[in-house]
Amino acid sequence: MTLLDEVKPRLGVFYSDADKDVEIQGMIDGATAFFKGAGWDISTPDSLAVEAVVLYCKMAQSTDPAQLVNHPVLLSFITQGRVVVSDAEV
């Protein structure tokens, strides 16, 4: 399942439309770049990364882009995503 397929229903999009898919993919690309810039590579997204992308997309729909930069919830996702668990802890 692609990230687009996972994000669309979470945004309330339950239909196929090429223009809407392009719009949502643009938001996903923005989220991926945002998180990569913060040091979190989500090229192989886990459930935390999917949640972060969904939140980013929801916020991008209704938030001033300047407020996305230092949003505390997004920063929390980044912090959690960047944590490396050593083999000794597993």
Protein backbone atom coordinates (compact mmCIF):
# COMPACT_ATOMS: atom_id res chain seq x y z
CA MET A 1 0.00 0.00 0.00
CA THR A 2 1.42 3.39 -0.97
CA LEU A 3 1.61 6.34 1.36
CA LEU A 4 -1.01 8.06 -0.81
CA ASP A 5 -3.39 5.13 -0.29
CA GLU A 6 -2.85 5.28 3.47
CA VAL A 7 -3.24 9.06 3.76
CA LYS A 8 -6.27 9.66 1.50
CA PRO A 9 -8.90 7.98 3.70
CA ARG A 10 -7.47 9.68 6.79
CA LEU A 11 -8.12 13.00 5.04
CA GLY A 12 -11.69 11.96 4.25
CA VAL A 13 -11.02 11.21 0.58
CA PHE A 14 -12.67 7.90 -0.28
CA TYR A 15 -12.85 8.35 -4.04
CA SER A 16 -10.43 8.34 -6.96
CA ASP A 17 -9.78 11.61 -8.73
CA ALA A 18 -6.52 12.36 -10.53
CA ASP A 19 -6.50 16.04 -9.56
CA LYS A 20 -7.17 15.28 -5.88
CA ASP A 21 -4.48 12.58 -5.91
CA VAL A 22 -1.98 15.12 -7.28
CA GLU A 23 -2.99 17.62 -4.58
CA ILE A 24 -2.59 15.07 -1.78
CA GLN A 25 0.67 13.70 -3.21
CA GLY A 26 1.99 17.27 -3.20
CA MET A 27 1.19 17.55 0.51
CA ILE A 28 2.83 14.16 1.15
CA ASP A 29 5.93 15.30 -0.74
CA GLY A 30 5.96 18.47 1.36
CA ALA A 31 5.70 16.43 4.55
CA THR A 32 8.49 14.10 3.43
CA ALA A 33 10.75 17.07 2.66
CA PHE A 34 9.84 18.74 5.98
CA PHE A 35 10.70 15.65 7.99
CA LYS A 36 13.86 14.95 5.98
CA GLY A 37 14.99 18.52 6.62
CA ALA A 38 14.52 17.86 10.34
CA GLY A 39 16.71 14.75 10.15
CA TRP A 40 13.97 12.11 10.00
CA ASP A 41 14.03 9.91 6.90
CA ILE A 42 10.56 8.50 6.28
CA SER A 43 11.29 6.94 2.88
CA THR A 44 10.18 3.62 4.38
CA PRO A 45 7.35 4.85 6.59
CA ASP A 46 6.33 3.04 9.75
CA SER A 47 3.05 3.71 11.58
CA LEU A 48 4.52 6.74 13.38
CA ALA A 49 5.63 8.27 10.07
CA VAL A 50 2.19 7.69 8.54
CA GLU A 51 0.56 9.44 11.51
CA ALA A 52 3.00 12.34 11.15
CA VAL A 53 2.32 12.68 7.43
CA VAL A 54 -1.45 12.60 7.98
CA LEU A 55 -1.19 15.31 10.63
CA TYR A 56 1.06 17.41 8.39
CA CYS A 57 -1.42 17.09 5.52
CA LYS A 58 -4.40 17.99 7.71
CA MET A 59 -2.54 21.00 9.04
CA ALA A 60 -1.42 22.03 5.55
CA GLN A 61 -5.07 22.19 4.52
CA SER A 62 -6.04 24.68 7.22
CA THR A 63 -2.93 26.21 8.77
CA ASP A 64 -0.71 29.10 7.81
CA PRO A 65 2.48 27.48 6.42
CA ALA A 66 4.61 29.55 8.80
CA GLN A 67 2.95 27.81 11.75
CA LEU A 68 3.93 24.36 10.46
CA VAL A 69 7.63 25.04 10.96
CA ASN A 70 7.77 24.81 14.75
CA HIS A 71 4.49 23.12 15.61
CA PRO A 72 4.99 21.20 18.89
CA VAL A 73 3.18 18.05 17.77
CA LEU A 74 5.21 17.81 14.57
CA LEU A 75 8.39 18.37 16.59
CA SER A 76 7.32 15.56 18.92
CA PHE A 77 6.81 13.19 15.98
CA ILE A 78 10.25 14.14 14.63
CA THR A 79 11.89 13.52 18.00
CA GLN A 80 10.24 10.12 18.33
CA GLY A 81 11.06 9.19 14.74
CA ARG A 82 14.73 10.12 15.09
CA VAL A 83 15.26 7.96 18.19
CA VAL A 84 17.53 5.01 17.49
CA VAL A 85 16.95 1.99 19.69
CA SER A 86 20.10 -0.01 20.29
CA ASP A 87 20.03 -3.80 20.08
CA ALA A 88 20.63 -3.99 23.83
CA GLU A 89 17.29 -2.25 24.48
CA VAL A 90 15.24 -4.51 22.22
